[in-house]
Amino acid sequence: MDLEDAFNLINRIENLPQIYDEIEKAICSVVHSYFQELLEVEEQEAVIMGKENYERSELTPYLNKKSEIHNKYWSNSAKFYQPCSSSSSPEHIWECLSDIEVLQNGDDENNLYIFKAKSKNPDNGLLTNKAFLLKLEDDKLLIEHEFFG
């Protein structure tokens, strides 16, 4: 290791708390934006589904919008993660998340992050775990997988 590399390493170590804070803010910002955009659509779906005799076809534009949002925030194009249904009860409510944690692998060559939180169902109060694996791809944070339990 030459002197310049050593100074860079020392500088990085000295600034780790700030670096970690900025990473955490960025991860939370991506997931928050994803939730906010989906919630807007889910609330519109809930209004339609709240009508007594709604037509299923009325929900098609909203499924299309959810697909657009998915494509914006996700790197994983597997059909498993593609939006395919509607609900009369919105699911992506940021205010229902608590105990948020951000974990990272620390690999400069393959940056991976985990957003982890408790999620409270607003209908019945049931508390579950929710997590997203994000990765840095072309200088953009994208969701790769979702976990729950």
Protein backbone atom coordinates (compact mmCIF):
# COMPACT_ATOMS: atom_id res chain seq x y z
CA MET A 1 0.00 0.00 0.00
CA ASP A 2 1.46 3.34 -0.97
CA LEU A 3 1.17 6.52 1.07
CA GLU A 4 -1.77 7.91 -0.94
CA ASP A 5 -3.75 4.67 -0.48
CA ALA A 6 -3.00 4.77 3.25
CA PHE A 7 -4.25 8.37 3.55
CA ASN A 8 -7.38 7.49 1.59
CA LEU A 9 -8.03 4.53 3.90
CA ILE A 10 -7.53 6.67 7.01
CA ASN A 11 -9.84 9.35 5.60
CA ARG A 12 -12.50 6.77 4.86
CA ILE A 13 -12.30 5.27 8.35
CA GLU A 14 -12.52 8.72 9.95
CA ASN A 15 -15.61 9.52 7.90
CA LEU A 16 -17.42 6.17 8.29
CA PRO A 17 -20.19 7.49 10.56
CA GLN A 18 -21.11 10.19 8.03
CA ILE A 19 -20.80 7.76 5.14
CA TYR A 20 -23.11 5.26 6.88
CA ASP A 21 -25.61 8.03 7.69
CA GLU A 22 -25.72 9.14 4.05
CA ILE A 23 -26.14 5.56 2.84
CA GLU A 24 -28.97 4.99 5.32
CA LYS A 25 -30.71 8.19 4.21
CA ALA A 26 -30.40 7.18 0.55
CA ILE A 27 -31.79 3.67 1.14
CA CYS A 28 -34.69 4.99 3.23
CA SER A 29 -35.41 7.66 0.63
CA VAL A 30 -35.70 5.08 -2.17
CA VAL A 31 -38.01 2.81 -0.19
CA HIS A 32 -40.06 5.78 1.05
CA SER A 33 -40.53 7.10 -2.48
CA TYR A 34 -41.50 3.63 -3.69
CA PHE A 35 -44.08 3.34 -0.90
CA GLN A 36 -45.47 6.84 -1.54
CA GLU A 37 -45.95 6.25 -5.26
CA LEU A 38 -47.60 2.87 -4.72
CA LEU A 39 -49.82 4.21 -1.94
CA GLU A 40 -51.29 6.86 -4.24
CA VAL A 41 -52.34 4.13 -6.67
CA GLU A 42 -53.55 1.78 -3.93
CA GLU A 43 -55.75 4.51 -2.45
CA GLN A 44 -57.37 5.07 -5.86
CA GLU A 45 -57.91 1.33 -6.24
CA ALA A 46 -59.52 1.21 -2.78
CA VAL A 47 -62.02 3.91 -3.80
CA ILE A 48 -63.03 1.93 -6.89
CA MET A 49 -63.23 -1.34 -4.99
CA GLY A 50 -65.33 0.38 -2.33
CA LYS A 51 -68.12 0.86 -4.88
CA GLU A 52 -70.79 -1.78 -4.72
CA ASN A 53 -70.80 -2.75 -8.41
CA TYR A 54 -67.37 -1.85 -9.71
CA GLU A 55 -66.08 -3.49 -12.86
CA ARG A 56 -62.76 -5.29 -12.66
CA SER A 57 -61.69 -3.51 -15.85
CA GLU A 58 -61.79 -0.19 -13.94
CA LEU A 59 -58.64 -1.36 -12.13
CA THR A 60 -56.58 -2.03 -15.26
CA PRO A 61 -55.10 1.49 -15.51
CA TYR A 62 -54.02 1.23 -11.88
CA LEU A 63 -52.32 -2.12 -12.40
CA ASN A 64 -50.53 -0.55 -15.35
CA LYS A 65 -49.43 2.36 -13.16
CA LYS A 66 -48.17 -0.05 -10.49
CA SER A 67 -46.14 -1.82 -13.19
CA GLU A 68 -44.60 1.51 -14.21
CA ILE A 69 -43.67 2.20 -10.59
CA HIS A 70 -42.24 -1.29 -10.26
CA ASN A 71 -40.08 -0.81 -13.35
CA LYS A 72 -38.79 2.49 -11.96
CA TYR A 73 -37.66 1.07 -8.61
CA TRP A 74 -36.84 -2.58 -9.27
CA SER A 75 -33.89 -4.26 -10.98
CA ASN A 76 -35.42 -7.74 -10.71
CA SER A 77 -37.83 -8.33 -13.60
CA ALA A 78 -39.01 -11.76 -12.41
CA LYS A 79 -42.78 -12.20 -12.82
CA PHE A 80 -42.99 -13.15 -9.13
CA TYR A 81 -42.41 -9.49 -8.18
CA GLN A 82 -44.57 -7.92 -10.90
CA PRO A 83 -47.78 -6.23 -9.69
CA CYS A 84 -50.73 -8.46 -10.58
CA SER A 85 -53.57 -7.61 -8.21
CA SER A 86 -55.50 -4.86 -6.50
CA SER A 87 -56.71 -4.51 -2.95
CA SER A 88 -59.38 -2.53 -1.17
CA SER A 89 -56.88 -1.98 1.64
CA PRO A 90 -53.64 -0.09 0.81
CA GLU A 91 -50.49 -1.95 1.84
CA HIS A 92 -47.64 0.50 1.25
CA ILE A 93 -48.19 2.88 4.15
CA TRP A 94 -44.86 4.30 5.29
CA GLU A 95 -46.31 5.40 8.63
CA CYS A 96 -47.05 1.75 9.46
CA LEU A 97 -43.32 0.94 9.44
CA SER A 98 -41.27 0.99 12.63
CA ASP A 99 -37.88 -0.19 13.89
CA ILE A 100 -36.28 0.58 10.53
CA GLU A 101 -32.75 -0.73 10.04
CA VAL A 102 -30.38 -0.48 7.10
CA LEU A 103 -27.67 -3.10 6.69
CA GLN A 104 -24.93 -3.21 4.09
CA ASN A 105 -22.33 -5.64 2.88
CA GLY A 106 -19.50 -3.09 2.59
CA ASP A 107 -18.32 -4.51 -0.74
CA ASP A 108 -17.22 -1.63 -2.97
CA GLU A 109 -17.41 -3.89 -6.02
CA ASN A 110 -20.93 -5.25 -5.37
CA ASN A 111 -22.84 -2.88 -3.07
CA LEU A 112 -25.84 -4.58 -1.47
CA TYR A 113 -28.16 -3.13 1.17
CA ILE A 114 -31.00 -4.46 3.28
CA PHE A 115 -33.87 -2.22 4.37
CA LYS A 116 -35.57 -3.96 7.28
CA ALA A 117 -38.62 -2.85 9.27
CA LYS A 118 -41.62 -3.97 11.27
CA SER A 119 -44.88 -3.39 9.42
CA LYS A 120 -48.19 -2.95 11.24
CA ASN A 121 -51.32 -3.93 9.32
CA PRO A 122 -53.67 -0.92 9.66
CA ASP A 123 -56.76 -3.16 9.46
CA ASN A 124 -55.98 -5.62 12.25
CA GLY A 125 -52.80 -4.39 13.97
CA LEU A 126 -50.84 -7.53 13.05
CA LEU A 127 -47.11 -6.86 13.15
CA THR A 128 -44.91 -8.53 10.52
CA ASN A 129 -41.34 -8.15 9.31
CA LYS A 130 -40.63 -6.63 5.92
CA ALA A 131 -37.29 -6.30 4.18
CA PHE A 132 -35.95 -5.25 0.81
CA LEU A 133 -32.61 -6.11 -0.72
CA LEU A 134 -31.33 -3.16 -2.75
CA LYS A 135 -28.32 -2.96 -4.99
CA LEU A 136 -26.40 -0.19 -6.62
CA GLU A 137 -26.71 -0.52 -10.38
CA ASP A 138 -25.41 2.15 -12.76
CA ASP A 139 -25.17 4.61 -9.84
CA LYS A 140 -28.84 4.05 -8.97
CA LEU A 141 -30.26 2.22 -5.95
CA LEU A 142 -32.77 -0.41 -7.06
CA ILE A 143 -34.80 -3.04 -5.26
CA GLU A 144 -33.78 -6.60 -6.08
CA HIS A 145 -35.88 -8.70 -3.66
CA GLU A 146 -38.60 -8.32 -1.04
CA PHE A 147 -38.81 -10.48 2.09
CA PHE A 148 -41.55 -10.80 4.68
CA GLY A 149 -42.42 -12.91 7.64
